[in-house]
Amino acid sequence: MSTSTLDATRAELGLLVLYLNKAEVRDKICRAIQYGSKYLSDGKPGTAQNVDKTTSLARKVFRLFKFVNDLHALISPTSSGSPLPLILLGKSKNALLSTFFFLDQIVWAGRTGIYKNKEHAELISRISLFCWMGSSVCTGLLELGELGRLSASMKKLEKELNKLINTKKSNILLSSNSQMKGCYL
């Protein structure tokens, strides 16, 4: 793929990401309703459990084409200062999450009856959950790596600060000593 084609693809995906992000707010509202009803139902059949199940299915509609967000992040350039292991973890997370959201659309189609092969839909559901689990593991490792990197950076800054403070103290002592010598002469 040439650079201009890749740049054009990135720009188009970027616009699509901006458009699709508006559905996230509605998804979060539905998530609150879903988990609230799950808590209220306590696993027992009834209205609250029906709300939980139907809201769960409805939320999948908001995830349609959400895989494009992580696909865009996957092909986007990384920041120049990131170490290679963190870059690879981030790209792996994007690939796995994008795959999860793509497969989740097939799962939704199976549960709504659009996709008729139930066995296939169940297999795809399991695969998508493994992709989600893998992306979650990558996210956790990525966060730990970033924490380690920030910790090392803070220690380096602390050493530089201590060195600067010690230099200032030495300069103040030398200045004060030379002033004291001037008083005695």
C-alpha atoms as a PDB file:
ATOM      1  CA  MET A   1       0.000   0.000   0.000  1.00  0.00           C
ATOM      2  CA  SER A   2       1.476   3.351  -0.964  1.00  0.00           C
ATOM      3  CA  THR A   3       1.879   6.168   1.551  1.00  0.00           C
ATOM      4  CA  SER A   4      -0.782   8.369  -0.070  1.00  0.00           C
ATOM      5  CA  THR A   5      -3.287   5.486  -0.137  1.00  0.00           C
ATOM      6  CA  LEU A   6      -2.524   4.678   3.495  1.00  0.00           C
ATOM      7  CA  ASP A   7      -2.900   8.343   4.467  1.00  0.00           C
ATOM      8  CA  ALA A   8      -6.220   8.546   2.604  1.00  0.00           C
ATOM      9  CA  THR A   9      -7.429   5.349   4.309  1.00  0.00           C
ATOM     10  CA  ARG A  10      -6.402   6.741   7.705  1.00  0.00           C
ATOM     11  CA  ALA A  11      -8.264   9.988   7.028  1.00  0.00           C
ATOM     12  CA  GLU A  12     -11.415   8.162   5.932  1.00  0.00           C
ATOM     13  CA  LEU A  13     -11.276   5.833   8.943  1.00  0.00           C
ATOM     14  CA  GLY A  14     -10.699   8.854  11.185  1.00  0.00           C
ATOM     15  CA  LEU A  15     -13.897  10.484   9.929  1.00  0.00           C
ATOM     16  CA  LEU A  16     -15.801   7.237  10.398  1.00  0.00           C
ATOM     17  CA  VAL A  17     -14.442   6.951  13.961  1.00  0.00           C
ATOM     18  CA  LEU A  18     -15.708  10.453  14.787  1.00  0.00           C
ATOM     19  CA  TYR A  19     -19.151   9.578  13.485  1.00  0.00           C
ATOM     20  CA  LEU A  20     -19.346   6.212  15.260  1.00  0.00           C
ATOM     21  CA  ASN A  21     -18.202   7.592  18.625  1.00  0.00           C
ATOM     22  CA  LYS A  22     -21.551   9.313  19.079  1.00  0.00           C
ATOM     23  CA  ALA A  23     -23.202   5.912  19.606  1.00  0.00           C
ATOM     24  CA  GLU A  24     -20.926   5.282  22.606  1.00  0.00           C
ATOM     25  CA  VAL A  25     -22.951   7.622  24.792  1.00  0.00           C
ATOM     26  CA  ARG A  26     -26.138   5.706  24.031  1.00  0.00           C
ATOM     27  CA  ASP A  27     -24.324   2.431  24.638  1.00  0.00           C
ATOM     28  CA  LYS A  28     -23.200   3.616  28.074  1.00  0.00           C
ATOM     29  CA  ILE A  29     -26.768   4.538  29.007  1.00  0.00           C
ATOM     30  CA  CYS A  30     -27.962   1.107  27.884  1.00  0.00           C
ATOM     31  CA  ARG A  31     -25.117  -0.506  29.834  1.00  0.00           C
ATOM     32  CA  ALA A  32     -26.257   1.242  33.007  1.00  0.00           C
ATOM     33  CA  ILE A  33     -29.816   0.012  32.419  1.00  0.00           C
ATOM     34  CA  GLN A  34     -28.585  -3.513  31.633  1.00  0.00           C
ATOM     35  CA  TYR A  35     -26.366  -3.870  34.689  1.00  0.00           C
ATOM     36  CA  GLY A  36     -28.898  -2.148  36.937  1.00  0.00           C
ATOM     37  CA  SER A  37     -31.586  -4.613  35.887  1.00  0.00           C
ATOM     38  CA  LYS A  38     -29.118  -7.501  36.227  1.00  0.00           C
ATOM     39  CA  TYR A  39     -28.486  -6.392  39.819  1.00  0.00           C
ATOM     40  CA  LEU A  40     -32.211  -5.992  40.532  1.00  0.00           C
ATOM     41  CA  SER A  41     -33.148  -9.374  39.028  1.00  0.00           C
ATOM     42  CA  ASP A  42     -30.538 -11.208  41.110  1.00  0.00           C
ATOM     43  CA  GLY A  43     -30.627 -13.951  38.464  1.00  0.00           C
ATOM     44  CA  LYS A  44     -34.310 -14.681  39.027  1.00  0.00           C
ATOM     45  CA  PRO A  45     -36.809 -14.734  36.145  1.00  0.00           C
ATOM     46  CA  GLY A  46     -39.038 -11.708  35.842  1.00  0.00           C
ATOM     47  CA  THR A  47     -39.262  -8.238  34.367  1.00  0.00           C
ATOM     48  CA  ALA A  48     -35.794  -7.135  35.492  1.00  0.00           C
ATOM     49  CA  GLN A  49     -34.168 -10.181  33.898  1.00  0.00           C
ATOM     50  CA  ASN A  50     -36.105  -9.572  30.663  1.00  0.00           C
ATOM     51  CA  VAL A  51     -34.871  -5.960  30.644  1.00  0.00           C
ATOM     52  CA  ASP A  52     -31.317  -7.234  31.171  1.00  0.00           C
ATOM     53  CA  LYS A  53     -31.521  -9.704  28.260  1.00  0.00           C
ATOM     54  CA  THR A  54     -33.200  -7.360  25.796  1.00  0.00           C
ATOM     55  CA  THR A  55     -30.914  -4.454  26.668  1.00  0.00           C
ATOM     56  CA  SER A  56     -27.897  -6.719  26.212  1.00  0.00           C
ATOM     57  CA  LEU A  57     -29.067  -7.552  22.705  1.00  0.00           C
ATOM     58  CA  ALA A  58     -29.946  -3.927  21.944  1.00  0.00           C
ATOM     59  CA  ARG A  59     -26.483  -2.744  22.984  1.00  0.00           C
ATOM     60  CA  LYS A  60     -24.934  -4.870  20.270  1.00  0.00           C
ATOM     61  CA  VAL A  61     -26.544  -2.575  17.678  1.00  0.00           C
ATOM     62  CA  PHE A  62     -24.462   0.319  19.036  1.00  0.00           C
ATOM     63  CA  ARG A  63     -21.345  -1.775  18.425  1.00  0.00           C
ATOM     64  CA  LEU A  64     -22.019  -2.151  14.700  1.00  0.00           C
ATOM     65  CA  PHE A  65     -18.870  -1.090  12.840  1.00  0.00           C
ATOM     66  CA  LYS A  66     -17.111  -0.303  16.143  1.00  0.00           C
ATOM     67  CA  PHE A  67     -14.291  -2.552  14.947  1.00  0.00           C
ATOM     68  CA  VAL A  68     -13.306   0.328  12.648  1.00  0.00           C
ATOM     69  CA  ASN A  69     -12.034   2.339  15.672  1.00  0.00           C
ATOM     70  CA  ASP A  70      -9.421  -0.257  16.579  1.00  0.00           C
ATOM     71  CA  LEU A  71      -8.670  -1.013  12.938  1.00  0.00           C
ATOM     72  CA  HIS A  72      -7.869   2.688  12.546  1.00  0.00           C
ATOM     73  CA  ALA A  73      -5.645   2.599  15.642  1.00  0.00           C
ATOM     74  CA  LEU A  74      -3.961  -0.548  14.310  1.00  0.00           C
ATOM     75  CA  ILE A  75      -2.828   1.088  11.064  1.00  0.00           C
ATOM     76  CA  SER A  76      -2.034   4.477  12.597  1.00  0.00           C
ATOM     77  CA  PRO A  77       1.605   5.347  13.327  1.00  0.00           C
ATOM     78  CA  THR A  78       2.828   5.076  16.901  1.00  0.00           C
ATOM     79  CA  SER A  79       4.476   7.734  19.030  1.00  0.00           C
ATOM     80  CA  SER A  80       8.218   7.920  18.478  1.00  0.00           C
ATOM     81  CA  GLY A  81       9.318   7.479  22.103  1.00  0.00           C
ATOM     82  CA  SER A  82       7.497   4.219  22.832  1.00  0.00           C
ATOM     83  CA  PRO A  83       9.531   1.040  23.329  1.00  0.00           C
ATOM     84  CA  LEU A  84       8.907  -1.768  20.820  1.00  0.00           C
ATOM     85  CA  PRO A  85       7.323  -4.225  23.326  1.00  0.00           C
ATOM     86  CA  LEU A  86       4.706  -1.614  24.300  1.00  0.00           C
ATOM     87  CA  ILE A  87       4.035  -0.804  20.644  1.00  0.00           C
ATOM     88  CA  LEU A  88       3.541  -4.500  19.874  1.00  0.00           C
ATOM     89  CA  LEU A  89       1.232  -4.940  22.870  1.00  0.00           C
ATOM     90  CA  GLY A  90      -0.806  -1.922  21.787  1.00  0.00           C
ATOM     91  CA  LYS A  91      -1.111  -3.150  18.201  1.00  0.00           C
ATOM     92  CA  SER A  92      -2.026  -6.656  19.448  1.00  0.00           C
ATOM     93  CA  LYS A  93      -4.713  -5.141  21.654  1.00  0.00           C
ATOM     94  CA  ASN A  94      -6.097  -3.180  18.693  1.00  0.00           C
ATOM     95  CA  ALA A  95      -6.108  -6.255  16.447  1.00  0.00           C
ATOM     96  CA  LEU A  96      -7.806  -8.447  19.055  1.00  0.00           C
ATOM     97  CA  LEU A  97     -10.388  -5.822  20.015  1.00  0.00           C
ATOM     98  CA  SER A  98     -11.169  -5.069  16.380  1.00  0.00           C
ATOM     99  CA  THR A  99     -11.645  -8.797  15.749  1.00  0.00           C
ATOM    100  CA  PHE A 100     -13.886  -9.066  18.833  1.00  0.00           C
ATOM    101  CA  PHE A 101     -16.147  -6.240  17.673  1.00  0.00           C
ATOM    102  CA  PHE A 102     -16.285  -7.609  14.124  1.00  0.00           C
ATOM    103  CA  LEU A 103     -17.188 -11.130  15.295  1.00  0.00           C
ATOM    104  CA  ASP A 104     -19.643  -9.671  17.810  1.00  0.00           C
ATOM    105  CA  GLN A 105     -21.663  -8.342  14.877  1.00  0.00           C
ATOM    106  CA  ILE A 106     -22.047 -11.901  13.580  1.00  0.00           C
ATOM    107  CA  VAL A 107     -23.064 -13.027  17.072  1.00  0.00           C
ATOM    108  CA  TRP A 108     -25.699 -10.278  17.142  1.00  0.00           C
ATOM    109  CA  ALA A 109     -26.947 -11.337  13.696  1.00  0.00           C
ATOM    110  CA  GLY A 110     -27.218 -14.920  14.975  1.00  0.00           C
ATOM    111  CA  ARG A 111     -29.170 -13.936  18.072  1.00  0.00           C
ATOM    112  CA  THR A 112     -31.590 -11.800  16.106  1.00  0.00           C
ATOM    113  CA  GLY A 113     -32.187 -14.531  13.532  1.00  0.00           C
ATOM    114  CA  ILE A 114     -30.503 -12.742  10.613  1.00  0.00           C
ATOM    115  CA  TYR A 115     -27.700 -15.313  10.588  1.00  0.00           C
ATOM    116  CA  LYS A 116     -29.345 -18.750  10.641  1.00  0.00           C
ATOM    117  CA  ASN A 117     -26.450 -21.093  11.505  1.00  0.00           C
ATOM    118  CA  LYS A 118     -26.736 -21.306  15.317  1.00  0.00           C
ATOM    119  CA  GLU A 119     -23.764 -23.667  15.776  1.00  0.00           C
ATOM    120  CA  HIS A 120     -21.542 -21.386  13.750  1.00  0.00           C
ATOM    121  CA  ALA A 121     -22.801 -18.357  15.669  1.00  0.00           C
ATOM    122  CA  GLU A 122     -21.986 -20.051  19.000  1.00  0.00           C
ATOM    123  CA  LEU A 123     -18.479 -20.926  17.815  1.00  0.00           C
ATOM    124  CA  ILE A 124     -17.961 -17.359  16.631  1.00  0.00           C
ATOM    125  CA  SER A 125     -19.267 -16.137  20.003  1.00  0.00           C
ATOM    126  CA  ARG A 126     -16.619 -18.179  21.830  1.00  0.00           C
ATOM    127  CA  ILE A 127     -13.864 -17.015  19.499  1.00  0.00           C
ATOM    128  CA  SER A 128     -14.948 -13.391  19.955  1.00  0.00           C
ATOM    129  CA  LEU A 129     -14.830 -13.773  23.734  1.00  0.00           C
ATOM    130  CA  PHE A 130     -11.281 -15.163  23.507  1.00  0.00           C
ATOM    131  CA  CYS A 131     -10.359 -12.133  21.398  1.00  0.00           C
ATOM    132  CA  TRP A 132     -11.879  -9.855  24.042  1.00  0.00           C
ATOM    133  CA  MET A 133      -9.992 -11.715  26.791  1.00  0.00           C
ATOM    134  CA  GLY A 134      -6.737 -11.432  24.822  1.00  0.00           C
ATOM    135  CA  SER A 135      -7.260  -7.704  24.296  1.00  0.00           C
ATOM    136  CA  SER A 136      -7.963  -7.298  28.018  1.00  0.00           C
ATOM    137  CA  VAL A 137      -4.714  -9.106  28.870  1.00  0.00           C
ATOM    138  CA  CYS A 138      -2.827  -6.914  26.385  1.00  0.00           C
ATOM    139  CA  THR A 139      -4.420  -3.814  27.927  1.00  0.00           C
ATOM    140  CA  GLY A 140      -3.383  -4.890  31.428  1.00  0.00           C
ATOM    141  CA  LEU A 141       0.191  -5.635  30.339  1.00  0.00           C
ATOM    142  CA  LEU A 142       0.313  -2.376  28.411  1.00  0.00           C
ATOM    143  CA  GLU A 143      -0.812  -0.426  31.475  1.00  0.00           C
ATOM    144  CA  LEU A 144       1.782  -2.206  33.648  1.00  0.00           C
ATOM    145  CA  GLY A 145       4.459  -1.417  31.079  1.00  0.00           C
ATOM    146  CA  GLU A 146       3.453   2.233  31.003  1.00  0.00           C
ATOM    147  CA  LEU A 147       3.482   2.364  34.812  1.00  0.00           C
ATOM    148  CA  GLY A 148       6.991   0.873  34.816  1.00  0.00           C
ATOM    149  CA  ARG A 149       8.097   3.373  32.220  1.00  0.00           C
ATOM    150  CA  LEU A 150       6.602   6.285  34.162  1.00  0.00           C
ATOM    151  CA  SER A 151       8.177   5.017  37.387  1.00  0.00           C
ATOM    152  CA  ALA A 152      11.623   4.841  35.762  1.00  0.00           C
ATOM    153  CA  SER A 153      11.115   8.312  34.299  1.00  0.00           C
ATOM    154  CA  MET A 154      10.114   9.706  37.702  1.00  0.00           C
ATOM    155  CA  LYS A 155      13.171   8.126  39.362  1.00  0.00           C
ATOM    156  CA  LYS A 156      15.398   9.671  36.713  1.00  0.00           C
ATOM    157  CA  LEU A 157      13.787  13.091  37.260  1.00  0.00           C
ATOM    158  CA  GLU A 158      14.142  12.675  41.026  1.00  0.00           C
ATOM    159  CA  LYS A 159      17.867  11.924  40.661  1.00  0.00           C
ATOM    160  CA  GLU A 160      18.326  14.953  38.408  1.00  0.00           C
ATOM    161  CA  LEU A 161      16.417  17.121  40.868  1.00  0.00           C
ATOM    162  CA  ASN A 162      18.497  15.868  43.802  1.00  0.00           C
ATOM    163  CA  LYS A 163      21.669  16.490  41.805  1.00  0.00           C
ATOM    164  CA  LEU A 164      20.479  20.019  41.012  1.00  0.00           C
ATOM    165  CA  ILE A 165      19.560  20.666  44.659  1.00  0.00           C
ATOM    166  CA  ASN A 166      22.943  19.356  45.843  1.00  0.00           C
ATOM    167  CA  THR A 167      24.710  21.546  43.274  1.00  0.00           C
ATOM    168  CA  LYS A 168      22.732  24.587  44.458  1.00  0.00           C
ATOM    169  CA  LYS A 169      23.544  23.771  48.080  1.00  0.00           C
ATOM    170  CA  SER A 170      27.236  23.402  47.210  1.00  0.00           C
ATOM    171  CA  ASN A 171      27.209  26.717  45.361  1.00  0.00           C
ATOM    172  CA  ILE A 172      25.493  28.417  48.301  1.00  0.00           C
ATOM    173  CA  LEU A 173      28.027  26.922  50.744  1.00  0.00           C
ATOM    174  CA  LEU A 174      30.969  27.928  48.549  1.00  0.00           C
ATOM    175  CA  SER A 175      29.553  31.422  48.162  1.00  0.00           C
ATOM    176  CA  SER A 176      28.943  31.685  51.875  1.00  0.00           C
ATOM    177  CA  ASN A 177      32.451  30.354  52.669  1.00  0.00           C
ATOM    178  CA  SER A 178      34.085  32.861  50.308  1.00  0.00           C
ATOM    179  CA  GLN A 179      32.065  35.663  51.920  1.00  0.00           C
ATOM    180  CA  MET A 180      33.151  34.468  55.346  1.00  0.00           C
ATOM    181  CA  LYS A 181      36.807  34.416  54.263  1.00  0.00           C
ATOM    182  CA  GLY A 182      36.409  37.970  52.979  1.00  0.00           C
ATOM    183  CA  CYS A 183      35.156  39.038  56.422  1.00  0.00           C
ATOM    184  CA  TYR A 184      38.216  37.622  58.175  1.00  0.00           C
ATOM    185  CA  LEU A 185      40.794  39.153  55.850  1.00  0.00           C
END
